[in-house]
Amino acid sequence: MSKMEKAKARQNETSAEYFRRSRPKFLDWEPPTEEERLQEVKARREAKQRELDKVTRLEKERQAAKKAARK
């Protein structure tokens, strides 16, 4: 659609269409549902557990490398 076509379409639009088109999107925001919130909490817990497992594994590898270097 060219600029001319858009301008012509805007001239013919009703005030309701104009306000619907120009309405800020943040006004349509809805708070997350309880289910979405629970999923987010679960995802954060799983990410935290993965990070803890990773750190624990790296520490074990580091300790094994130190022990091997001493021998």
PDB file of N, CA and C in Angstrom:
ATOM      1  N   MET A   1       0.857  -1.178   0.000  1.00  0.00           N
ATOM      2  CA  MET A   1       0.000   0.000   0.000  1.00  0.00           C
ATOM      3  C   MET A   1       0.899   1.237   0.000  1.00  0.00           C
ATOM      4  N   SER A   2       0.679   2.127  -0.929  1.00  0.00           N
ATOM      5  CA  SER A   2       1.500   3.327  -1.038  1.00  0.00           C
ATOM      6  C   SER A   2       1.050   4.371  -0.008  1.00  0.00           C
ATOM      7  N   LYS A   3       1.858   5.412   0.108  1.00  0.00           N
ATOM      8  CA  LYS A   3       1.531   6.479   1.064  1.00  0.00           C
ATOM      9  C   LYS A   3       0.231   7.178   0.682  1.00  0.00           C
ATOM     10  N   MET A   4       0.024   7.329  -0.610  1.00  0.00           N
ATOM     11  CA  MET A   4      -1.198   7.994  -1.078  1.00  0.00           C
ATOM     12  C   MET A   4      -2.429   7.166  -0.710  1.00  0.00           C
ATOM     13  N   GLU A   5      -2.332   5.855  -0.896  1.00  0.00           N
ATOM     14  CA  GLU A   5      -3.459   4.982  -0.575  1.00  0.00           C
ATOM     15  C   GLU A   5      -3.745   4.994   0.924  1.00  0.00           C
ATOM     16  N   LYS A   6      -2.668   4.986   1.722  1.00  0.00           N
ATOM     17  CA  LYS A   6      -2.842   5.033   3.174  1.00  0.00           C
ATOM     18  C   LYS A   6      -3.485   6.341   3.605  1.00  0.00           C
ATOM     19  N   ALA A   7      -3.019   7.441   3.016  1.00  0.00           N
ATOM     20  CA  ALA A   7      -3.576   8.748   3.368  1.00  0.00           C
ATOM     21  C   ALA A   7      -5.050   8.823   3.002  1.00  0.00           C
ATOM     22  N   LYS A   8      -5.396   8.293   1.838  1.00  0.00           N
ATOM     23  CA  LYS A   8      -6.802   8.322   1.405  1.00  0.00           C
ATOM     24  C   LYS A   8      -7.664   7.452   2.320  1.00  0.00           C
ATOM     25  N   ALA A   9      -7.123   6.280   2.711  1.00  0.00           N
ATOM     26  CA  ALA A   9      -7.870   5.399   3.603  1.00  0.00           C
ATOM     27  C   ALA A   9      -8.082   6.072   4.956  1.00  0.00           C
ATOM     28  N   ARG A  10      -7.077   6.803   5.421  1.00  0.00           N
ATOM     29  CA  ARG A  10      -7.207   7.495   6.715  1.00  0.00           C
ATOM     30  C   ARG A  10      -8.211   8.626   6.644  1.00  0.00           C
ATOM     31  N   GLN A  11      -8.321   9.273   5.505  1.00  0.00           N
ATOM     32  CA  GLN A  11      -9.312  10.348   5.362  1.00  0.00           C
ATOM     33  C   GLN A  11     -10.727   9.799   5.467  1.00  0.00           C
ATOM     34  N   ASN A  12     -10.910   8.572   5.045  1.00  0.00           N
ATOM     35  CA  ASN A  12     -12.246   7.979   5.021  1.00  0.00           C
ATOM     36  C   ASN A  12     -12.584   7.192   6.280  1.00  0.00           C
ATOM     37  N   GLU A  13     -11.637   7.076   7.211  1.00  0.00           N
ATOM     38  CA  GLU A  13     -11.918   6.266   8.399  1.00  0.00           C
ATOM     39  C   GLU A  13     -12.766   7.041   9.403  1.00  0.00           C
ATOM     40  N   THR A  14     -13.526   6.310  10.171  1.00  0.00           N
ATOM     41  CA  THR A  14     -14.374   6.935  11.182  1.00  0.00           C
ATOM     42  C   THR A  14     -13.525   7.297  12.398  1.00  0.00           C
ATOM     43  N   SER A  15     -14.097   8.091  13.268  1.00  0.00           N
ATOM     44  CA  SER A  15     -13.354   8.480  14.466  1.00  0.00           C
ATOM     45  C   SER A  15     -13.097   7.259  15.357  1.00  0.00           C
ATOM     46  N   ALA A  16     -14.058   6.327  15.383  1.00  0.00           N
ATOM     47  CA  ALA A  16     -13.874   5.111  16.186  1.00  0.00           C
ATOM     48  C   ALA A  16     -12.691   4.301  15.656  1.00  0.00           C
ATOM     49  N   GLU A  17     -12.598   4.190  14.316  1.00  0.00           N
ATOM     50  CA  GLU A  17     -11.472   3.463  13.722  1.00  0.00           C
ATOM     51  C   GLU A  17     -10.159   4.171  14.025  1.00  0.00           C
ATOM     52  N   TYR A  18     -10.156   5.511  13.948  1.00  0.00           N
ATOM     53  CA  TYR A  18      -8.948   6.288  14.240  1.00  0.00           C
ATOM     54  C   TYR A  18      -8.483   6.044  15.675  1.00  0.00           C
ATOM     55  N   PHE A  19      -9.388   6.132  16.630  1.00  0.00           N
ATOM     56  CA  PHE A  19      -9.005   5.958  18.024  1.00  0.00           C
ATOM     57  C   PHE A  19      -8.604   4.515  18.320  1.00  0.00           C
ATOM     58  N   ARG A  20      -9.236   3.561  17.659  1.00  0.00           N
ATOM     59  CA  ARG A  20      -8.853   2.159  17.827  1.00  0.00           C
ATOM     60  C   ARG A  20      -7.429   1.948  17.285  1.00  0.00           C
ATOM     61  N   ARG A  21      -7.126   2.580  16.140  1.00  0.00           N
ATOM     62  CA  ARG A  21      -5.802   2.436  15.521  1.00  0.00           C
ATOM     63  C   ARG A  21      -4.722   3.150  16.341  1.00  0.00           C
ATOM     64  N   SER A  22      -5.048   4.281  16.909  1.00  0.00           N
ATOM     65  CA  SER A  22      -4.038   5.072  17.610  1.00  0.00           C
ATOM     66  C   SER A  22      -3.958   4.774  19.109  1.00  0.00           C
ATOM     67  N   ARG A  23      -4.787   3.864  19.576  1.00  0.00           N
ATOM     68  CA  ARG A  23      -4.804   3.528  21.011  1.00  0.00           C
ATOM     69  C   ARG A  23      -3.466   2.899  21.426  1.00  0.00           C
ATOM     70  N   PRO A  24      -2.861   3.346  22.534  1.00  0.00           N
ATOM     71  CA  PRO A  24      -1.591   2.758  22.994  1.00  0.00           C
ATOM     72  C   PRO A  24      -1.769   1.276  23.346  1.00  0.00           C
ATOM     73  N   LYS A  25      -0.799   0.476  22.961  1.00  0.00           N
ATOM     74  CA  LYS A  25      -0.895  -0.974  23.167  1.00  0.00           C
ATOM     75  C   LYS A  25      -0.820  -1.352  24.649  1.00  0.00           C
ATOM     76  N   PHE A  26      -0.145  -0.527  25.468  1.00  0.00           N
ATOM     77  CA  PHE A  26      -0.010  -0.892  26.879  1.00  0.00           C
ATOM     78  C   PHE A  26      -1.361  -0.883  27.605  1.00  0.00           C
ATOM     79  N   LEU A  27      -2.353  -0.206  27.042  1.00  0.00           N
ATOM     80  CA  LEU A  27      -3.672  -0.190  27.664  1.00  0.00           C
ATOM     81  C   LEU A  27      -4.364  -1.549  27.555  1.00  0.00           C
ATOM     82  N   ASP A  28      -3.924  -2.369  26.606  1.00  0.00           N
ATOM     83  CA  ASP A  28      -4.511  -3.688  26.412  1.00  0.00           C
ATOM     84  C   ASP A  28      -3.820  -4.757  27.254  1.00  0.00           C
ATOM     85  N   TRP A  29      -2.832  -4.368  28.059  1.00  0.00           N
ATOM     86  CA  TRP A  29      -2.092  -5.330  28.873  1.00  0.00           C
ATOM     87  C   TRP A  29      -3.021  -5.973  29.896  1.00  0.00           C
ATOM     88  N   GLU A  30      -2.835  -7.269  30.074  1.00  0.00           N
ATOM     89  CA  GLU A  30      -3.594  -7.994  31.091  1.00  0.00           C
ATOM     90  C   GLU A  30      -2.600  -8.682  32.011  1.00  0.00           C
ATOM     91  N   PRO A  31      -2.866  -8.705  33.302  1.00  0.00           N
ATOM     92  CA  PRO A  31      -1.933  -9.368  34.216  1.00  0.00           C
ATOM     93  C   PRO A  31      -1.873 -10.864  33.911  1.00  0.00           C
ATOM     94  N   PRO A  32      -0.731 -11.483  34.212  1.00  0.00           N
ATOM     95  CA  PRO A  32      -0.614 -12.921  33.937  1.00  0.00           C
ATOM     96  C   PRO A  32      -1.593 -13.715  34.790  1.00  0.00           C
ATOM     97  N   THR A  33      -2.060 -14.806  34.221  1.00  0.00           N
ATOM     98  CA  THR A  33      -2.974 -15.667  34.966  1.00  0.00           C
ATOM     99  C   THR A  33      -2.187 -16.435  36.016  1.00  0.00           C
ATOM    100  N   GLU A  34      -2.896 -17.053  36.933  1.00  0.00           N
ATOM    101  CA  GLU A  34      -2.240 -17.839  37.989  1.00  0.00           C
ATOM    102  C   GLU A  34      -1.417 -18.963  37.372  1.00  0.00           C
ATOM    103  N   GLU A  35      -1.941 -19.580  36.321  1.00  0.00           N
ATOM    104  CA  GLU A  35      -1.225 -20.665  35.652  1.00  0.00           C
ATOM    105  C   GLU A  35       0.078 -20.166  35.023  1.00  0.00           C
ATOM    106  N   GLU A  36       0.034 -19.005  34.374  1.00  0.00           N
ATOM    107  CA  GLU A  36       1.243 -18.427  33.769  1.00  0.00           C
ATOM    108  C   GLU A  36       2.265 -18.087  34.844  1.00  0.00           C
ATOM    109  N   ARG A  37       1.796 -17.555  35.947  1.00  0.00           N
ATOM    110  CA  ARG A  37       2.713 -17.213  37.043  1.00  0.00           C
ATOM    111  C   ARG A  37       3.375 -18.472  37.597  1.00  0.00           C
ATOM    112  N   LEU A  38       2.606 -19.549  37.748  1.00  0.00           N
ATOM    113  CA  LEU A  38       3.169 -20.798  38.247  1.00  0.00           C
ATOM    114  C   LEU A  38       4.194 -21.365  37.265  1.00  0.00           C
ATOM    115  N   GLN A  39       3.926 -21.245  35.968  1.00  0.00           N
ATOM    116  CA  GLN A  39       4.876 -21.718  34.968  1.00  0.00           C
ATOM    117  C   GLN A  39       6.182 -20.920  35.033  1.00  0.00           C
ATOM    118  N   GLU A  40       6.076 -19.612  35.235  1.00  0.00           N
ATOM    119  CA  GLU A  40       7.267 -18.774  35.350  1.00  0.00           C
ATOM    120  C   GLU A  40       8.086 -19.152  36.580  1.00  0.00           C
ATOM    121  N   VAL A  41       7.404 -19.383  37.689  1.00  0.00           N
ATOM    122  CA  VAL A  41       8.089 -19.783  38.923  1.00  0.00           C
ATOM    123  C   VAL A  41       8.795 -21.117  38.711  1.00  0.00           C
ATOM    124  N   LYS A  42       8.109 -22.055  38.082  1.00  0.00           N
ATOM    125  CA  LYS A  42       8.696 -23.370  37.821  1.00  0.00           C
ATOM    126  C   LYS A  42       9.917 -23.242  36.910  1.00  0.00           C
ATOM    127  N   ALA A  43       9.815 -22.411  35.885  1.00  0.00           N
ATOM    128  CA  ALA A  43      10.928 -22.208  34.959  1.00  0.00           C
ATOM    129  C   ALA A  43      12.128 -21.596  35.684  1.00  0.00           C
ATOM    130  N   ARG A  44      11.871 -20.632  36.575  1.00  0.00           N
ATOM    131  CA  ARG A  44      12.980 -20.023  37.333  1.00  0.00           C
ATOM    132  C   ARG A  44      13.636 -21.042  38.255  1.00  0.00           C
ATOM    133  N   ARG A  45      12.817 -21.868  38.916  1.00  0.00           N
ATOM    134  CA  ARG A  45      13.376 -22.900  39.799  1.00  0.00           C
ATOM    135  C   ARG A  45      14.233 -23.889  39.023  1.00  0.00           C
ATOM    136  N   GLU A  46      13.726 -24.317  37.856  1.00  0.00           N
ATOM    137  CA  GLU A  46      14.483 -25.260  37.037  1.00  0.00           C
ATOM    138  C   GLU A  46      15.790 -24.644  36.552  1.00  0.00           C
ATOM    139  N   ALA A  47      15.757 -23.379  36.153  1.00  0.00           N
ATOM    140  CA  ALA A  47      16.970 -22.693  35.703  1.00  0.00           C
ATOM    141  C   ALA A  47      17.970 -22.582  36.849  1.00  0.00           C
ATOM    142  N   LYS A  48      17.476 -22.277  38.031  1.00  0.00           N
ATOM    143  CA  LYS A  48      18.344 -22.166  39.204  1.00  0.00           C
ATOM    144  C   LYS A  48      18.973 -23.522  39.527  1.00  0.00           C
ATOM    145  N   GLN A  49      18.181 -24.598  39.442  1.00  0.00           N
ATOM    146  CA  GLN A  49      18.697 -25.941  39.716  1.00  0.00           C
ATOM    147  C   GLN A  49      19.734 -26.345  38.669  1.00  0.00           C
ATOM    148  N   ARG A  50      19.485 -26.027  37.393  1.00  0.00           N
ATOM    149  CA  ARG A  50      20.463 -26.335  36.339  1.00  0.00           C
ATOM    150  C   ARG A  50      21.776 -25.610  36.597  1.00  0.00           C
ATOM    151  N   GLU A  51      21.675 -24.341  37.000  1.00  0.00           N
ATOM    152  CA  GLU A  51      22.881 -23.560  37.285  1.00  0.00           C
ATOM    153  C   GLU A  51      23.638 -24.153  38.477  1.00  0.00           C
ATOM    154  N   LEU A  52      22.917 -24.559  39.507  1.00  0.00           N
ATOM    155  CA  LEU A  52      23.544 -25.177  40.666  1.00  0.00           C
ATOM    156  C   LEU A  52      24.237 -26.484  40.279  1.00  0.00           C
ATOM    157  N   ASP A  53      23.561 -27.296  39.463  1.00  0.00           N
ATOM    158  CA  ASP A  53      24.161 -28.548  38.996  1.00  0.00           C
ATOM    159  C   ASP A  53      25.427 -28.282  38.186  1.00  0.00           C
ATOM    160  N   LYS A  54      25.387 -27.261  37.359  1.00  0.00           N
ATOM    161  CA  LYS A  54      26.547 -26.911  36.541  1.00  0.00           C
ATOM    162  C   LYS A  54      27.724 -26.489  37.420  1.00  0.00           C
ATOM    163  N   VAL A  55      27.449 -25.637  38.397  1.00  0.00           N
ATOM    164  CA  VAL A  55      28.505 -25.162  39.294  1.00  0.00           C
ATOM    165  C   VAL A  55      29.077 -26.327  40.103  1.00  0.00           C
ATOM    166  N   THR A  56      28.209 -27.212  40.575  1.00  0.00           N
ATOM    167  CA  THR A  56      28.651 -28.375  41.346  1.00  0.00           C
ATOM    168  C   THR A  56      29.522 -29.283  40.486  1.00  0.00           C
ATOM    169  N   ARG A  57      29.103 -29.529  39.230  1.00  0.00           N
ATOM    170  CA  ARG A  57      29.884 -30.368  38.330  1.00  0.00           C
ATOM    171  C   ARG A  57      31.245 -29.748  38.045  1.00  0.00           C
ATOM    172  N   LEU A  58      31.284 -28.448  37.805  1.00  0.00           N
ATOM    173  CA  LEU A  58      32.550 -27.774  37.535  1.00  0.00           C
ATOM    174  C   LEU A  58      33.482 -27.842  38.748  1.00  0.00           C
ATOM    175  N   GLU A  59      32.928 -27.695  39.937  1.00  0.00           N
ATOM    176  CA  GLU A  59      33.740 -27.762  41.152  1.00  0.00           C
ATOM    177  C   GLU A  59      34.302 -29.166  41.333  1.00  0.00           C
ATOM    178  N   LYS A  60      33.498 -30.203  41.076  1.00  0.00           N
ATOM    179  CA  LYS A  60      33.994 -31.573  41.177  1.00  0.00           C
ATOM    180  C   LYS A  60      35.117 -31.817  40.176  1.00  0.00           C
ATOM    181  N   GLU A  61      34.954 -31.307  38.955  1.00  0.00           N
ATOM    182  CA  GLU A  61      36.004 -31.456  37.940  1.00  0.00           C
ATOM    183  C   GLU A  61      37.276 -30.722  38.370  1.00  0.00           C
ATOM    184  N   ARG A  62      37.120 -29.553  38.948  1.00  0.00           N
ATOM    185  CA  ARG A  62      38.269 -28.778  39.414  1.00  0.00           C
ATOM    186  C   ARG A  62      38.994 -29.524  40.537  1.00  0.00           C
ATOM    187  N   GLN A  63      38.217 -30.076  41.471  1.00  0.00           N
ATOM    188  CA  GLN A  63      38.821 -30.828  42.575  1.00  0.00           C
ATOM    189  C   GLN A  63      39.527 -32.079  42.048  1.00  0.00           C
ATOM    190  N   ALA A  64      38.913 -32.759  41.067  1.00  0.00           N
ATOM    191  CA  ALA A  64      39.547 -33.952  40.477  1.00  0.00           C
ATOM    192  C   ALA A  64      40.834 -33.572  39.768  1.00  0.00           C
ATOM    193  N   ALA A  65      40.850 -32.452  39.091  1.00  0.00           N
ATOM    194  CA  ALA A  65      42.058 -32.004  38.389  1.00  0.00           C
ATOM    195  C   ALA A  65      43.152 -31.667  39.402  1.00  0.00           C
ATOM    196  N   LYS A  66      42.802 -31.020  40.495  1.00  0.00           N
ATOM    197  CA  LYS A  66      43.787 -30.712  41.542  1.00  0.00           C
ATOM    198  C   LYS A  66      44.354 -31.986  42.131  1.00  0.00           C
ATOM    199  N   LYS A  67      43.471 -32.948  42.400  1.00  0.00           N
ATOM    200  CA  LYS A  67      43.892 -34.204  43.000  1.00  0.00           C
ATOM    201  C   LYS A  67      44.815 -34.957  42.036  1.00  0.00           C
ATOM    202  N   ALA A  68      44.500 -34.939  40.746  1.00  0.00           N
ATOM    203  CA  ALA A  68      45.327 -35.610  39.755  1.00  0.00           C
ATOM    204  C   ALA A  68      46.678 -34.915  39.606  1.00  0.00           C
ATOM    205  N   ALA A  69      46.702 -33.606  39.765  1.00  0.00           N
ATOM    206  CA  ALA A  69      47.957 -32.854  39.629  1.00  0.00           C
ATOM    207  C   ALA A  69      48.887 -33.132  40.816  1.00  0.00           C
ATOM    208  N   ARG A  70      48.322 -33.430  41.965  1.00  0.00           N
ATOM    209  CA  ARG A  70      49.145 -33.700  43.154  1.00  0.00           C
ATOM    210  C   ARG A  70      49.832 -35.056  43.060  1.00  0.00           C
ATOM    211  N   LYS A  71      49.246 -35.987  42.333  1.00  0.00           N
ATOM    212  CA  LYS A  71      49.818 -37.329  42.265  1.00  0.00           C
ATOM    213  C   LYS A  71      50.937 -37.441  41.300  1.00  0.00           C
TER     214      LYS A  71
END
